[in-house]
Amino acid sequence: MNKIESRHRLIRSLIMEKKIHTQQELQEHLEANGVIVTQSTLSRDMKALNLVKVSENDTSYYIINSIAPSRWEKRLRFYMEDALVMLRPVKNQVVMKTLPGLAQSFGAILDALELPQIVATVCGDDVCLIICEDDQGALDCFEKLKEYTPPFFFSK
């Protein structure tokens, strides 16, 4: 797990455990856990994690907006149904072949989903190479991506 993923995991944990009212308060909780971040980095993290402020009983605090990730999942499912040509694990990678011109769109969606198995995506015109930490991570990623493919895709 890289530094950003670790920080994101800690932020998610803090948001779920406590009612955090301000960015400053979140920054202080991160520092108490040994993570020093600038305000601009924290703002980017909060956007990436889909944190939103809600109001309740004359106070407001951050929660994780669960609507946004499902948007990416729906988009991935749509792309998988219409543009996926091949999906195959190879060592510590998953090779995704798409219709021409769509690999980068797949990569952007996968990056937005922040699947923990994925270290990076490298995409050309019709191939997206999904790089994982190790062989098991690639198999786990492959199984996760299969959940988004149409039922007939892997049946033979």
N, C-alpha and C. Protein backbone atom coordinates (compact mmCIF):
# COMPACT_ATOMS: atom_id res chain seq x y z
N MET A 1 0.85 -1.17 0.00
CA MET A 1 0.00 0.00 0.00
C MET A 1 0.90 1.24 0.00
N ASN A 2 0.61 2.20 -0.89
CA ASN A 2 1.44 3.38 -0.96
C ASN A 2 0.99 4.44 0.05
N LYS A 3 1.74 5.54 0.09
CA LYS A 3 1.51 6.59 1.09
C LYS A 3 0.11 7.21 0.95
N ILE A 4 -0.32 7.45 -0.27
CA ILE A 4 -1.64 8.07 -0.49
C ILE A 4 -2.75 7.13 -0.04
N GLU A 5 -2.65 5.84 -0.42
CA GLU A 5 -3.67 4.87 -0.01
C GLU A 5 -3.73 4.76 1.51
N SER A 6 -2.59 4.76 2.17
CA SER A 6 -2.55 4.68 3.64
C SER A 6 -3.23 5.90 4.25
N ARG A 7 -2.93 7.07 3.71
CA ARG A 7 -3.53 8.29 4.22
C ARG A 7 -5.04 8.28 3.99
N HIS A 8 -5.47 7.86 2.81
CA HIS A 8 -6.90 7.79 2.51
C HIS A 8 -7.61 6.82 3.44
N ARG A 9 -6.99 5.70 3.70
CA ARG A 9 -7.58 4.72 4.62
C ARG A 9 -7.73 5.32 6.02
N LEU A 10 -6.71 6.05 6.47
CA LEU A 10 -6.77 6.69 7.79
C LEU A 10 -7.88 7.76 7.82
N ILE A 11 -7.97 8.56 6.77
CA ILE A 11 -9.02 9.59 6.71
C ILE A 11 -10.40 8.95 6.77
N ARG A 12 -10.61 7.89 5.98
CA ARG A 12 -11.90 7.19 6.02
C ARG A 12 -12.21 6.72 7.43
N SER A 13 -11.23 6.14 8.07
CA SER A 13 -11.40 5.62 9.43
C SER A 13 -11.77 6.74 10.40
N LEU A 14 -11.05 7.85 10.32
CA LEU A 14 -11.33 8.98 11.21
C LEU A 14 -12.73 9.53 10.99
N ILE A 15 -13.13 9.66 9.74
CA ILE A 15 -14.45 10.21 9.41
C ILE A 15 -15.56 9.29 9.93
N MET A 16 -15.34 7.99 9.85
CA MET A 16 -16.36 7.05 10.31
C MET A 16 -16.42 6.96 11.84
N GLU A 17 -15.29 7.18 12.51
CA GLU A 17 -15.23 7.05 13.97
C GLU A 17 -15.68 8.31 14.71
N LYS A 18 -15.39 9.48 14.13
CA LYS A 18 -15.62 10.74 14.84
C LYS A 18 -16.44 11.70 13.99
N LYS A 19 -17.07 12.64 14.65
CA LYS A 19 -17.72 13.74 13.93
C LYS A 19 -16.68 14.84 13.79
N ILE A 20 -16.15 14.97 12.58
CA ILE A 20 -15.11 15.96 12.31
C ILE A 20 -15.77 17.14 11.62
N HIS A 21 -15.59 18.32 12.21
CA HIS A 21 -16.34 19.50 11.80
C HIS A 21 -15.61 20.39 10.79
N THR A 22 -14.27 20.37 10.80
CA THR A 22 -13.51 21.25 9.91
C THR A 22 -12.32 20.51 9.31
N GLN A 23 -11.79 21.10 8.24
CA GLN A 23 -10.56 20.54 7.66
C GLN A 23 -9.42 20.61 8.67
N GLN A 24 -9.36 21.71 9.40
CA GLN A 24 -8.32 21.89 10.41
C GLN A 24 -8.39 20.76 11.45
N GLU A 25 -9.58 20.43 11.87
CA GLU A 25 -9.76 19.35 12.85
C GLU A 25 -9.28 18.01 12.27
N LEU A 26 -9.63 17.77 11.01
CA LEU A 26 -9.16 16.54 10.36
C LEU A 26 -7.65 16.53 10.25
N GLN A 27 -7.07 17.65 9.90
CA GLN A 27 -5.62 17.76 9.79
C GLN A 27 -4.95 17.47 11.14
N GLU A 28 -5.54 17.95 12.22
CA GLU A 28 -5.00 17.71 13.56
C GLU A 28 -5.08 16.22 13.93
N HIS A 29 -6.20 15.57 13.58
CA HIS A 29 -6.32 14.13 13.85
C HIS A 29 -5.29 13.34 13.04
N LEU A 30 -5.05 13.77 11.81
CA LEU A 30 -4.02 13.09 11.00
C LEU A 30 -2.65 13.25 11.64
N GLU A 31 -2.33 14.48 12.08
CA GLU A 31 -1.05 14.73 12.74
C GLU A 31 -0.90 13.90 14.00
N ALA A 32 -1.99 13.73 14.76
CA ALA A 32 -1.95 12.92 15.98
C ALA A 32 -1.65 11.46 15.65
N ASN A 33 -1.93 11.06 14.40
CA ASN A 33 -1.64 9.70 13.94
C ASN A 33 -0.35 9.64 13.12
N GLY A 34 0.45 10.70 13.19
CA GLY A 34 1.75 10.70 12.54
C GLY A 34 1.74 11.04 11.06
N VAL A 35 0.64 11.60 10.56
CA VAL A 35 0.55 11.95 9.14
C VAL A 35 0.47 13.47 9.01
N ILE A 36 1.50 14.07 8.42
CA ILE A 36 1.55 15.51 8.22
C ILE A 36 1.18 15.80 6.76
N VAL A 37 0.15 16.63 6.56
CA VAL A 37 -0.27 16.99 5.20
C VAL A 37 -0.53 18.49 5.13
N THR A 38 -0.33 19.05 3.95
CA THR A 38 -0.67 20.45 3.74
C THR A 38 -2.17 20.57 3.55
N GLN A 39 -2.67 21.79 3.66
CA GLN A 39 -4.10 22.02 3.48
C GLN A 39 -4.53 21.67 2.06
N SER A 40 -3.69 21.99 1.07
CA SER A 40 -4.07 21.70 -0.32
C SER A 40 -4.11 20.19 -0.58
N THR A 41 -3.18 19.44 -0.01
CA THR A 41 -3.20 17.98 -0.15
C THR A 41 -4.44 17.41 0.52
N LEU A 42 -4.76 17.92 1.70
CA LEU A 42 -5.94 17.45 2.41
C LEU A 42 -7.21 17.75 1.61
N SER A 43 -7.28 18.92 1.01
CA SER A 43 -8.45 19.26 0.17
C SER A 43 -8.59 18.28 -0.99
N ARG A 44 -7.46 17.95 -1.64
CA ARG A 44 -7.50 16.98 -2.75
C ARG A 44 -7.95 15.62 -2.25
N ASP A 45 -7.42 15.21 -1.09
CA ASP A 45 -7.81 13.92 -0.51
C ASP A 45 -9.31 13.89 -0.23
N MET A 46 -9.81 14.97 0.34
CA MET A 46 -11.23 15.02 0.69
C MET A 46 -12.10 14.94 -0.57
N LYS A 47 -11.66 15.58 -1.62
CA LYS A 47 -12.40 15.51 -2.88
C LYS A 47 -12.35 14.09 -3.44
N ALA A 48 -11.17 13.48 -3.43
CA ALA A 48 -11.01 12.13 -3.96
C ALA A 48 -11.85 11.12 -3.17
N LEU A 49 -11.99 11.34 -1.87
CA LEU A 49 -12.74 10.43 -1.01
C LEU A 49 -14.23 10.76 -0.96
N ASN A 50 -14.63 11.79 -1.69
CA ASN A 50 -16.03 12.21 -1.75
C ASN A 50 -16.59 12.58 -0.38
N LEU A 51 -15.80 13.35 0.38
CA LEU A 51 -16.29 13.80 1.68
C LEU A 51 -17.19 15.02 1.48
N VAL A 52 -18.31 15.01 2.15
CA VAL A 52 -19.24 16.13 2.10
C VAL A 52 -19.64 16.50 3.52
N LYS A 53 -20.03 17.75 3.69
CA LYS A 53 -20.48 18.21 5.00
C LYS A 53 -21.99 18.08 5.08
N VAL A 54 -22.46 17.55 6.19
CA VAL A 54 -23.90 17.47 6.45
C VAL A 54 -24.20 18.25 7.72
N SER A 55 -25.41 18.75 7.79
CA SER A 55 -25.84 19.51 8.98
C SER A 55 -26.86 18.69 9.76
N GLU A 56 -26.69 18.73 11.08
CA GLU A 56 -27.60 18.00 11.96
C GLU A 56 -27.60 18.70 13.31
N ASN A 57 -28.77 19.06 13.80
CA ASN A 57 -28.91 19.70 15.12
C ASN A 57 -27.96 20.89 15.31
N ASP A 58 -28.00 21.83 14.39
CA ASP A 58 -27.21 23.05 14.47
C ASP A 58 -25.69 22.83 14.43
N THR A 59 -25.25 21.70 13.94
CA THR A 59 -23.82 21.46 13.77
C THR A 59 -23.61 20.78 12.41
N SER A 60 -22.42 20.92 11.89
CA SER A 60 -22.12 20.25 10.62
C SER A 60 -20.83 19.45 10.77
N TYR A 61 -20.75 18.37 10.02
CA TYR A 61 -19.58 17.50 10.07
C TYR A 61 -19.46 16.76 8.75
N TYR A 62 -18.29 16.16 8.54
CA TYR A 62 -18.01 15.46 7.28
C TYR A 62 -18.48 14.01 7.33
N ILE A 63 -18.98 13.55 6.19
CA ILE A 63 -19.29 12.13 5.99
C ILE A 63 -18.75 11.73 4.62
N ILE A 64 -18.68 10.44 4.38
CA ILE A 64 -18.30 9.94 3.06
C ILE A 64 -19.57 9.82 2.24
N ASN A 65 -19.60 10.52 1.12
CA ASN A 65 -20.76 10.50 0.24
C ASN A 65 -20.72 9.20 -0.56
N SER A 66 -21.61 8.31 -0.25
CA SER A 66 -21.60 6.99 -0.90
C SER A 66 -22.19 7.02 -2.30
N ILE A 67 -22.80 8.12 -2.69
CA ILE A 67 -23.41 8.19 -4.02
C ILE A 67 -22.34 8.27 -5.10
N ALA A 68 -21.30 9.05 -4.89
CA ALA A 68 -20.29 9.27 -5.92
C ALA A 68 -19.58 7.98 -6.36
N PRO A 69 -19.10 7.11 -5.45
CA PRO A 69 -18.43 5.91 -5.94
C PRO A 69 -19.34 5.04 -6.81
N SER A 70 -20.63 4.97 -6.48
CA SER A 70 -21.51 4.13 -7.27
C SER A 70 -21.63 4.67 -8.69
N ARG A 71 -21.47 5.99 -8.84
CA ARG A 71 -21.48 6.58 -10.18
C ARG A 71 -20.35 5.98 -11.02
N TRP A 72 -19.17 5.85 -10.41
CA TRP A 72 -18.03 5.28 -11.13
C TRP A 72 -18.27 3.80 -11.40
N GLU A 73 -18.87 3.11 -10.44
CA GLU A 73 -19.17 1.69 -10.65
C GLU A 73 -20.16 1.50 -11.79
N LYS A 74 -21.17 2.36 -11.85
CA LYS A 74 -22.14 2.28 -12.95
C LYS A 74 -21.46 2.56 -14.28
N ARG A 75 -20.58 3.54 -14.28
CA ARG A 75 -19.88 3.88 -15.51
C ARG A 75 -18.98 2.71 -15.95
N LEU A 76 -18.29 2.08 -14.98
CA LEU A 76 -17.44 0.94 -15.32
C LEU A 76 -18.28 -0.21 -15.88
N ARG A 77 -19.41 -0.49 -15.25
CA ARG A 77 -20.30 -1.56 -15.72
C ARG A 77 -20.76 -1.27 -17.16
N PHE A 78 -21.14 -0.02 -17.42
CA PHE A 78 -21.58 0.38 -18.75
C PHE A 78 -20.47 0.17 -19.77
N TYR A 79 -19.25 0.62 -19.45
CA TYR A 79 -18.13 0.45 -20.36
C TYR A 79 -17.80 -1.03 -20.57
N MET A 80 -17.85 -1.81 -19.49
CA MET A 80 -17.55 -3.25 -19.60
C MET A 80 -18.53 -3.93 -20.54
N GLU A 81 -19.81 -3.54 -20.45
CA GLU A 81 -20.83 -4.16 -21.31
C GLU A 81 -20.65 -3.78 -22.77
N ASP A 82 -20.23 -2.55 -23.03
CA ASP A 82 -20.19 -2.06 -24.40
C ASP A 82 -18.82 -2.08 -25.06
N ALA A 83 -17.74 -2.06 -24.30
CA ALA A 83 -16.43 -1.85 -24.94
C ALA A 83 -15.33 -2.80 -24.52
N LEU A 84 -15.59 -3.72 -23.61
CA LEU A 84 -14.55 -4.66 -23.19
C LEU A 84 -14.41 -5.76 -24.22
N VAL A 85 -13.17 -6.00 -24.63
CA VAL A 85 -12.89 -7.07 -25.60
C VAL A 85 -12.26 -8.27 -24.90
N MET A 86 -11.34 -8.01 -23.96
CA MET A 86 -10.64 -9.10 -23.27
C MET A 86 -10.19 -8.61 -21.90
N LEU A 87 -10.23 -9.51 -20.93
CA LEU A 87 -9.75 -9.22 -19.58
C LEU A 87 -9.03 -10.47 -19.10
N ARG A 88 -7.73 -10.30 -18.73
CA ARG A 88 -6.95 -11.48 -18.38
C ARG A 88 -5.84 -11.13 -17.39
N PRO A 89 -5.72 -11.90 -16.30
CA PRO A 89 -4.60 -11.69 -15.38
C PRO A 89 -3.32 -12.29 -15.95
N VAL A 90 -2.22 -11.56 -15.81
CA VAL A 90 -0.92 -12.03 -16.26
C VAL A 90 0.10 -11.61 -15.21
N LYS A 91 0.59 -12.58 -14.44
CA LYS A 91 1.51 -12.33 -13.33
C LYS A 91 0.92 -11.26 -12.39
N ASN A 92 1.64 -10.14 -12.18
CA ASN A 92 1.14 -9.12 -11.25
C ASN A 92 0.33 -8.04 -11.96
N GLN A 93 -0.21 -8.39 -13.14
CA GLN A 93 -0.95 -7.41 -13.93
C GLN A 93 -2.26 -8.00 -14.42
N VAL A 94 -3.16 -7.11 -14.82
CA VAL A 94 -4.37 -7.51 -15.50
C VAL A 94 -4.37 -6.76 -16.83
N VAL A 95 -4.51 -7.50 -17.92
CA VAL A 95 -4.54 -6.89 -19.24
C VAL A 95 -6.00 -6.73 -19.65
N MET A 96 -6.34 -5.49 -20.02
CA MET A 96 -7.70 -5.19 -20.44
C MET A 96 -7.63 -4.67 -21.87
N LYS A 97 -8.24 -5.41 -22.78
CA LYS A 97 -8.31 -4.97 -24.18
C LYS A 97 -9.69 -4.40 -24.41
N THR A 98 -9.74 -3.22 -25.06
CA THR A 98 -11.00 -2.51 -25.26
C THR A 98 -11.21 -2.22 -26.75
N LEU A 99 -12.35 -1.69 -27.05
CA LEU A 99 -12.56 -1.17 -28.40
C LEU A 99 -11.59 0.01 -28.61
N PRO A 100 -11.19 0.28 -29.84
CA PRO A 100 -10.23 1.36 -30.10
C PRO A 100 -10.69 2.69 -29.52
N GLY A 101 -9.72 3.38 -28.89
CA GLY A 101 -9.97 4.71 -28.35
C GLY A 101 -10.55 4.77 -26.95
N LEU A 102 -10.82 3.62 -26.33
CA LEU A 102 -11.50 3.63 -25.03
C LEU A 102 -10.65 3.18 -23.85
N ALA A 103 -9.43 2.73 -24.07
CA ALA A 103 -8.61 2.24 -22.97
C ALA A 103 -8.35 3.33 -21.92
N GLN A 104 -8.09 4.54 -22.36
CA GLN A 104 -7.80 5.61 -21.40
C GLN A 104 -9.03 5.95 -20.56
N SER A 105 -10.20 5.81 -21.14
CA SER A 105 -11.43 6.03 -20.36
C SER A 105 -11.55 4.97 -19.27
N PHE A 106 -11.25 3.72 -19.62
CA PHE A 106 -11.26 2.65 -18.61
C PHE A 106 -10.26 2.97 -17.50
N GLY A 107 -9.06 3.40 -17.88
CA GLY A 107 -8.04 3.72 -16.90
C GLY A 107 -8.48 4.82 -15.96
N ALA A 108 -9.11 5.86 -16.50
CA ALA A 108 -9.58 6.97 -15.67
C ALA A 108 -10.65 6.50 -14.68
N ILE A 109 -11.54 5.63 -15.13
CA ILE A 109 -12.59 5.10 -14.25
C ILE A 109 -11.96 4.25 -13.15
N LEU A 110 -11.03 3.37 -13.52
CA LEU A 110 -10.36 2.52 -12.53
C LEU A 110 -9.59 3.37 -11.51
N ASP A 111 -8.93 4.41 -11.98
CA ASP A 111 -8.21 5.29 -11.06
C ASP A 111 -9.18 5.98 -10.09
N ALA A 112 -10.34 6.41 -10.60
CA ALA A 112 -11.33 7.07 -9.75
C ALA A 112 -11.92 6.12 -8.71
N LEU A 113 -12.04 4.84 -9.06
CA LEU A 113 -12.59 3.86 -8.12
C LEU A 113 -11.63 3.57 -6.98
N GLU A 114 -10.35 3.79 -7.20
CA GLU A 114 -9.32 3.55 -6.18
C GLU A 114 -9.40 2.15 -5.60
N LEU A 115 -9.46 1.14 -6.47
CA LEU A 115 -9.46 -0.24 -5.99
C LEU A 115 -8.13 -0.51 -5.29
N PRO A 116 -8.15 -1.10 -4.11
CA PRO A 116 -6.92 -1.25 -3.34
C PRO A 116 -5.88 -2.16 -4.01
N GLN A 117 -6.31 -3.04 -4.89
CA GLN A 117 -5.38 -3.95 -5.55
C GLN A 117 -4.54 -3.25 -6.62
N ILE A 118 -5.03 -2.12 -7.12
CA ILE A 118 -4.39 -1.46 -8.26
C ILE A 118 -3.33 -0.46 -7.80
N VAL A 119 -2.10 -0.66 -8.29
CA VAL A 119 -1.02 0.27 -8.01
C VAL A 119 -1.03 1.39 -9.05
N ALA A 120 -1.25 1.01 -10.32
CA ALA A 120 -1.27 2.00 -11.40
C ALA A 120 -1.95 1.41 -12.62
N THR A 121 -2.40 2.30 -13.50
CA THR A 121 -2.91 1.88 -14.81
C THR A 121 -2.09 2.59 -15.87
N VAL A 122 -1.77 1.86 -16.92
CA VAL A 122 -1.05 2.42 -18.06
C VAL A 122 -1.88 2.07 -19.29
N CYS A 123 -2.37 3.10 -19.97
CA CYS A 123 -3.33 2.85 -21.05
C CYS A 123 -2.87 3.47 -22.35
N GLY A 124 -3.10 2.73 -23.42
CA GLY A 124 -2.87 3.23 -24.76
C GLY A 124 -4.21 3.48 -25.42
N ASP A 125 -4.30 3.13 -26.68
CA ASP A 125 -5.53 3.35 -27.44
C ASP A 125 -6.58 2.29 -27.14
N ASP A 126 -6.15 1.02 -27.15
CA ASP A 126 -7.11 -0.07 -26.95
C ASP A 126 -6.67 -1.11 -25.93
N VAL A 127 -5.62 -0.79 -25.16
CA VAL A 127 -5.16 -1.71 -24.11
C VAL A 127 -4.89 -0.91 -22.84
N CYS A 128 -5.42 -1.42 -21.75
CA CYS A 128 -5.16 -0.83 -20.44
C CYS A 128 -4.44 -1.89 -19.61
N LEU A 129 -3.23 -1.58 -19.19
CA LEU A 129 -2.45 -2.48 -18.36
C LEU A 129 -2.65 -2.05 -16.91
N ILE A 130 -3.21 -2.96 -16.13
CA ILE A 130 -3.50 -2.68 -14.72
C ILE A 130 -2.41 -3.36 -13.90
N ILE A 131 -1.60 -2.56 -13.23
CA ILE A 131 -0.46 -3.08 -12.49
C ILE A 131 -0.84 -3.22 -11.02
N CYS A 132 -0.59 -4.40 -10.48
CA CYS A 132 -0.90 -4.69 -9.08
C CYS A 132 0.40 -4.97 -8.33
N GLU A 133 0.31 -5.02 -7.02
CA GLU A 133 1.49 -5.22 -6.18
C GLU A 133 2.15 -6.58 -6.43
N ASP A 134 1.33 -7.61 -6.56
CA ASP A 134 1.85 -8.96 -6.75
C ASP A 134 0.85 -9.82 -7.52
N ASP A 135 1.20 -11.08 -7.74
CA ASP A 135 0.35 -11.99 -8.52
C ASP A 135 -1.03 -12.15 -7.88
N GLN A 136 -1.07 -12.29 -6.55
CA GLN A 136 -2.35 -12.46 -5.87
C GLN A 136 -3.21 -11.21 -6.00
N GLY A 137 -2.57 -10.05 -5.92
CA GLY A 137 -3.30 -8.80 -6.11
C GLY A 137 -3.93 -8.72 -7.48
N ALA A 138 -3.20 -9.21 -8.50
CA ALA A 138 -3.73 -9.21 -9.87
C ALA A 138 -4.93 -10.16 -9.97
N LEU A 139 -4.84 -11.32 -9.33
CA LEU A 139 -5.97 -12.25 -9.36
C LEU A 139 -7.17 -11.66 -8.63
N ASP A 140 -6.93 -11.02 -7.50
CA ASP A 140 -8.02 -10.37 -6.76
C ASP A 140 -8.66 -9.25 -7.59
N CYS A 141 -7.80 -8.46 -8.25
CA CYS A 141 -8.30 -7.38 -9.10
C CYS A 141 -9.12 -7.95 -10.26
N PHE A 142 -8.63 -9.00 -10.87
CA PHE A 142 -9.34 -9.65 -11.97
C PHE A 142 -10.71 -10.13 -11.52
N GLU A 143 -10.78 -10.76 -10.35
CA GLU A 143 -12.06 -11.24 -9.82
C GLU A 143 -13.01 -10.07 -9.53
N LYS A 144 -12.46 -8.97 -9.01
CA LYS A 144 -13.28 -7.79 -8.73
C LYS A 144 -13.83 -7.21 -10.03
N LEU A 145 -12.98 -7.11 -11.05
CA LEU A 145 -13.42 -6.54 -12.33
C LEU A 145 -14.43 -7.45 -13.02
N LYS A 146 -14.32 -8.74 -12.80
CA LYS A 146 -15.30 -9.67 -13.39
C LYS A 146 -16.71 -9.38 -12.89
N GLU A 147 -16.82 -8.83 -11.68
CA GLU A 147 -18.14 -8.49 -11.13
C GLU A 147 -18.85 -7.44 -11.98
N TYR A 148 -18.10 -6.66 -12.74
CA TYR A 148 -18.67 -5.59 -13.56
C TYR A 148 -18.93 -6.02 -15.00
N THR A 149 -18.49 -7.20 -15.35
CA THR A 149 -18.67 -7.66 -16.73
C THR A 149 -20.03 -8.32 -16.89
N PRO A 150 -20.57 -8.30 -18.10
CA PRO A 150 -21.85 -8.97 -18.31
C PRO A 150 -21.71 -10.47 -18.09
N PRO A 151 -22.77 -11.14 -17.66
CA PRO A 151 -22.70 -12.57 -17.33
C PRO A 151 -22.20 -13.43 -18.47
N PHE A 152 -22.51 -13.07 -19.70
CA PHE A 152 -22.13 -13.90 -20.84
C PHE A 152 -20.66 -13.76 -21.20
N PHE A 153 -19.96 -12.75 -20.67
CA PHE A 153 -18.59 -12.47 -21.11
C PHE A 153 -17.63 -13.62 -20.84
N PHE A 154 -17.70 -14.22 -19.66
CA PHE A 154 -16.77 -15.28 -19.30
C PHE A 154 -17.36 -16.68 -19.42
N SER A 155 -18.61 -16.80 -19.81
CA SER A 155 -19.20 -18.14 -19.94
C SER A 155 -18.89 -18.72 -21.30
N LYS A 156 -18.35 -19.93 -21.29
CA LYS A 156 -18.01 -20.62 -22.54
C LYS A 156 -18.30 -22.07 -22.41
